[in-house]
């Protein structure tokens, strides 16, 4: 069994409850990179900062999304049948 197969099995066997937070982490991290890229662009006209403003807003929204996704993902805890869980 290759490493890719092992990782695929691990991801598929994870709880369906974790699918939303994982997706939010992916979207948030992608939006963060795009936002930082927009902030780093140098405008051709020094008075035109609209691209930088859009990048700043996108970066802040992406950070809030990532923070919320990490919080939600962390609150899921271990699976019910997992060894060491408090489920009883």
Protein backbone atom coordinates (compact mmCIF):
# COMPACT_ATOMS: atom_id res chain seq x y z
CA UNK A 1 0.00 0.00 0.00
CA UNK A 2 1.51 3.32 -1.07
CA UNK A 3 1.69 6.43 1.07
CA UNK A 4 -0.97 8.13 -1.08
CA UNK A 5 -3.37 5.22 -0.49
CA UNK A 6 -2.76 5.37 3.26
CA UNK A 7 -3.41 9.11 3.36
CA UNK A 8 -6.54 8.70 1.21
CA UNK A 9 -7.86 6.01 3.55
CA UNK A 10 -7.14 8.17 6.57
CA UNK A 11 -8.96 11.16 5.10
CA UNK A 12 -11.96 9.09 3.96
CA UNK A 13 -12.27 7.31 7.29
CA UNK A 14 -12.39 10.60 9.19
CA UNK A 15 -15.79 11.67 10.44
CA UNK A 16 -18.16 13.36 8.02
CA UNK A 17 -18.55 16.12 10.60
CA UNK A 18 -14.99 17.19 9.83
CA UNK A 19 -15.66 17.69 6.11
CA UNK A 20 -17.03 21.22 6.56
CA UNK A 21 -14.16 22.55 8.67
CA UNK A 22 -11.59 20.95 6.34
CA UNK A 23 -13.25 22.60 3.36
CA UNK A 24 -13.30 25.93 5.20
CA UNK A 25 -9.58 25.56 5.94
CA UNK A 26 -8.87 24.93 2.27
CA UNK A 27 -10.98 27.87 1.07
CA UNK A 28 -9.63 30.16 3.78
CA UNK A 29 -6.00 29.34 3.08
CA UNK A 30 -6.48 29.84 -0.66
CA UNK A 31 -8.26 33.15 -0.10
CA UNK A 32 -5.50 34.22 2.28
CA UNK A 33 -2.83 33.61 -0.35
CA UNK A 34 -4.81 35.48 -3.01
CA UNK A 35 -5.47 38.37 -0.61
CA UNK A 36 -1.81 38.65 0.34
CA UNK A 37 -0.89 38.60 -3.34
CA UNK A 38 -3.30 41.46 -4.02
CA UNK A 39 -1.92 43.44 -1.10
CA UNK A 40 1.60 42.97 -2.47
CA UNK A 41 0.76 44.35 -5.92
CA UNK A 42 2.18 47.75 -6.70
CA UNK A 43 -0.44 49.97 -8.35
CA UNK A 44 0.56 51.83 -11.52
CA UNK A 45 -1.03 55.00 -10.14
CA UNK A 46 0.06 55.78 -6.55
CA UNK A 47 -3.39 57.21 -5.78
CA UNK A 48 -5.24 54.08 -6.96
CA UNK A 49 -5.20 51.69 -4.01
CA UNK A 50 -8.42 49.81 -4.83
CA UNK A 51 -6.61 46.51 -5.48
CA UNK A 52 -4.73 46.83 -2.20
CA UNK A 53 -7.98 47.61 -0.37
CA UNK A 54 -9.69 44.56 -1.89
CA UNK A 55 -6.69 42.43 -0.92
CA UNK A 56 -6.78 43.74 2.64
CA UNK A 57 -10.47 42.94 3.04
CA UNK A 58 -10.02 39.50 1.47
CA UNK A 59 -7.07 38.77 3.77
CA UNK A 60 -9.03 39.73 6.89
CA UNK A 61 -12.06 37.67 5.86
CA UNK A 62 -9.82 34.69 5.10
CA UNK A 63 -8.15 34.97 8.51
CA UNK A 64 -11.54 34.99 10.24
CA UNK A 65 -12.59 31.95 8.21
CA UNK A 66 -9.40 30.08 9.10
CA UNK A 67 -9.73 30.92 12.79
CA UNK A 68 -13.35 29.72 12.82
CA UNK A 69 -12.48 26.54 10.94
CA UNK A 70 -9.60 25.70 13.29
CA UNK A 71 -11.88 26.31 16.28
CA UNK A 72 -14.66 24.13 14.84
CA UNK A 73 -12.25 21.39 13.79
CA UNK A 74 -10.65 21.37 17.23
CA UNK A 75 -14.02 21.19 18.98
CA UNK A 76 -14.96 17.99 17.14
CA UNK A 77 -12.72 15.93 19.41
CA UNK A 78 -12.06 12.23 19.03
CA UNK A 79 -14.55 9.93 17.36
CA UNK A 80 -17.11 8.27 19.61
CA UNK A 81 -15.66 4.78 19.34
CA UNK A 82 -12.05 5.88 19.52
CA UNK A 83 -9.91 4.61 22.35
CA UNK A 84 -9.50 7.14 25.13
CA UNK A 85 -12.62 9.15 24.35
CA UNK A 86 -14.91 10.25 27.15
CA UNK A 87 -17.92 8.67 25.48
CA UNK A 88 -18.26 6.02 28.10
